[in-house]
Amino acid sequence: MLSLKVAQLGRLTTSIYDFPEAGDVLPMHSHDATTVHITIVARGRFRMHGDGWAREASAGDVIDWQPNDPHEFVALEPGGRLVNINKA
């Protein structure tokens, strides 16, 4: 089951999502200008999709989200980790 840890690193707010099982999902969501973030794929492979698009991401990829850009993550293998860093 998906787990979340939130950490404050100085002025940076991070959210660390662990996906223990393939098929674990971080459901579709979006962020406004005050909560938009970048995502770093720290471990594993993920299918990402939103309104009219889909792609895969793997360890080392960095995704720079824009405000109000819907997105969802599905783990393609066990043990995946995403690290989000708030840009606001």
C-alpha atoms as a PDB file:
ATOM      1  CA  MET A   1       0.000   0.000   0.000  1.00  0.00           C
ATOM      2  CA  LEU A   2       1.224   3.471  -0.916  1.00  0.00           C
ATOM      3  CA  SER A   3       2.842   5.401   1.947  1.00  0.00           C
ATOM      4  CA  LEU A   4       3.695   9.078   2.345  1.00  0.00           C
ATOM      5  CA  LYS A   5       6.307  10.915   4.424  1.00  0.00           C
ATOM      6  CA  VAL A   6       6.434  14.709   4.463  1.00  0.00           C
ATOM      7  CA  ALA A   7       9.679  16.427   5.404  1.00  0.00           C
ATOM      8  CA  GLN A   8      10.745  20.042   5.761  1.00  0.00           C
ATOM      9  CA  LEU A   9      14.314  20.666   4.570  1.00  0.00           C
ATOM     10  CA  GLY A  10      15.009  24.298   5.361  1.00  0.00           C
ATOM     11  CA  ARG A  11      12.658  26.238   3.079  1.00  0.00           C
ATOM     12  CA  LEU A  12      11.883  23.168   0.970  1.00  0.00           C
ATOM     13  CA  THR A  13       8.853  20.973   1.558  1.00  0.00           C
ATOM     14  CA  THR A  14       9.212  17.420   0.284  1.00  0.00           C
ATOM     15  CA  SER A  15       6.797  14.541  -0.033  1.00  0.00           C
ATOM     16  CA  ILE A  16       8.240  11.031  -0.306  1.00  0.00           C
ATOM     17  CA  TYR A  17       5.923   8.364  -1.721  1.00  0.00           C
ATOM     18  CA  ASP A  18       6.834   4.684  -1.415  1.00  0.00           C
ATOM     19  CA  PHE A  19       5.112   2.124  -3.654  1.00  0.00           C
ATOM     20  CA  PRO A  20       5.788  -1.318  -2.128  1.00  0.00           C
ATOM     21  CA  GLU A  21       3.829  -3.245  -4.782  1.00  0.00           C
ATOM     22  CA  ALA A  22       3.537  -3.097  -8.552  1.00  0.00           C
ATOM     23  CA  GLY A  23       0.143  -1.596  -9.332  1.00  0.00           C
ATOM     24  CA  ASP A  24       0.129   0.808  -6.353  1.00  0.00           C
ATOM     25  CA  VAL A  25      -1.436   4.101  -7.473  1.00  0.00           C
ATOM     26  CA  LEU A  26      -1.068   7.747  -6.543  1.00  0.00           C
ATOM     27  CA  PRO A  27      -4.489   8.864  -7.847  1.00  0.00           C
ATOM     28  CA  MET A  28      -5.093  11.619 -10.367  1.00  0.00           C
ATOM     29  CA  HIS A  29      -4.626  15.066  -8.864  1.00  0.00           C
ATOM     30  CA  SER A  30      -3.313  18.527  -9.708  1.00  0.00           C
ATOM     31  CA  HIS A  31      -1.793  21.446  -7.855  1.00  0.00           C
ATOM     32  CA  ASP A  32      -2.320  25.180  -7.869  1.00  0.00           C
ATOM     33  CA  ALA A  33       0.517  27.706  -8.074  1.00  0.00           C
ATOM     34  CA  THR A  34       1.137  27.477  -4.306  1.00  0.00           C
ATOM     35  CA  THR A  35       1.532  23.667  -4.203  1.00  0.00           C
ATOM     36  CA  VAL A  36       3.051  22.806  -7.592  1.00  0.00           C
ATOM     37  CA  HIS A  37       6.164  20.608  -7.449  1.00  0.00           C
ATOM     38  CA  ILE A  38       8.827  18.721  -9.305  1.00  0.00           C
ATOM     39  CA  THR A  39       8.902  14.933  -9.083  1.00  0.00           C
ATOM     40  CA  ILE A  40      12.112  12.919  -8.901  1.00  0.00           C
ATOM     41  CA  VAL A  41      11.828   9.197  -9.579  1.00  0.00           C
ATOM     42  CA  ALA A  42      14.206   7.881  -6.931  1.00  0.00           C
ATOM     43  CA  ARG A  43      13.564   4.134  -7.496  1.00  0.00           C
ATOM     44  CA  GLY A  44      11.571   1.985  -9.869  1.00  0.00           C
ATOM     45  CA  ARG A  45       9.479   2.550 -12.965  1.00  0.00           C
ATOM     46  CA  PHE A  46       6.102   4.279 -13.223  1.00  0.00           C
ATOM     47  CA  ARG A  47       3.376   4.896 -15.744  1.00  0.00           C
ATOM     48  CA  MET A  48       2.275   8.513 -15.545  1.00  0.00           C
ATOM     49  CA  HIS A  49      -0.786   9.894 -17.245  1.00  0.00           C
ATOM     50  CA  GLY A  50      -3.035  12.914 -17.292  1.00  0.00           C
ATOM     51  CA  ASP A  51      -5.564  14.557 -19.580  1.00  0.00           C
ATOM     52  CA  GLY A  52      -4.731  13.181 -23.022  1.00  0.00           C
ATOM     53  CA  TRP A  53      -1.155  12.034 -22.373  1.00  0.00           C
ATOM     54  CA  ALA A  54       0.744   9.036 -20.951  1.00  0.00           C
ATOM     55  CA  ARG A  55       4.412   8.145 -20.543  1.00  0.00           C
ATOM     56  CA  GLU A  56       6.767   6.006 -18.491  1.00  0.00           C
ATOM     57  CA  ALA A  57       9.336   7.331 -16.049  1.00  0.00           C
ATOM     58  CA  SER A  58      12.173   5.509 -14.321  1.00  0.00           C
ATOM     59  CA  ALA A  59      14.833   6.102 -11.685  1.00  0.00           C
ATOM     60  CA  GLY A  60      16.679   9.357 -12.318  1.00  0.00           C
ATOM     61  CA  ASP A  61      13.882  11.063 -14.257  1.00  0.00           C
ATOM     62  CA  VAL A  62      12.768  14.527 -13.123  1.00  0.00           C
ATOM     63  CA  ILE A  63       9.344  15.900 -14.037  1.00  0.00           C
ATOM     64  CA  ASP A  64       8.640  19.633 -13.750  1.00  0.00           C
ATOM     65  CA  TRP A  65       4.877  20.012 -13.249  1.00  0.00           C
ATOM     66  CA  GLN A  66       2.986  23.161 -14.121  1.00  0.00           C
ATOM     67  CA  PRO A  67       0.044  24.451 -12.062  1.00  0.00           C
ATOM     68  CA  ASN A  68      -3.273  22.725 -12.779  1.00  0.00           C
ATOM     69  CA  ASP A  69      -1.601  19.892 -14.741  1.00  0.00           C
ATOM     70  CA  PRO A  70      -3.494  16.692 -13.717  1.00  0.00           C
ATOM     71  CA  HIS A  71      -1.300  13.637 -13.198  1.00  0.00           C
ATOM     72  CA  GLU A  72      -1.432  10.095 -11.799  1.00  0.00           C
ATOM     73  CA  PHE A  73       1.307   7.544 -11.096  1.00  0.00           C
ATOM     74  CA  VAL A  74       1.068   3.751 -11.287  1.00  0.00           C
ATOM     75  CA  ALA A  75       4.016   1.656 -10.060  1.00  0.00           C
ATOM     76  CA  LEU A  76       5.198  -0.796 -12.712  1.00  0.00           C
ATOM     77  CA  GLU A  77       7.405  -2.739 -10.305  1.00  0.00           C
ATOM     78  CA  PRO A  78       7.637  -3.181  -6.530  1.00  0.00           C
ATOM     79  CA  GLY A  79       9.765  -0.897  -4.377  1.00  0.00           C
ATOM     80  CA  GLY A  80       9.265   2.356  -6.284  1.00  0.00           C
ATOM     81  CA  ARG A  81       9.829   5.766  -4.715  1.00  0.00           C
ATOM     82  CA  LEU A  82       8.883   9.278  -5.817  1.00  0.00           C
ATOM     83  CA  VAL A  83      10.231  12.437  -4.200  1.00  0.00           C
ATOM     84  CA  ASN A  84       8.240  15.616  -4.746  1.00  0.00           C
ATOM     85  CA  ILE A  85       9.771  19.016  -3.995  1.00  0.00           C
ATOM     86  CA  ASN A  86       7.411  21.979  -3.750  1.00  0.00           C
ATOM     87  CA  LYS A  87       8.404  24.845  -6.101  1.00  0.00           C
ATOM     88  CA  ALA A  88       6.401  27.578  -4.376  1.00  0.00           C
END
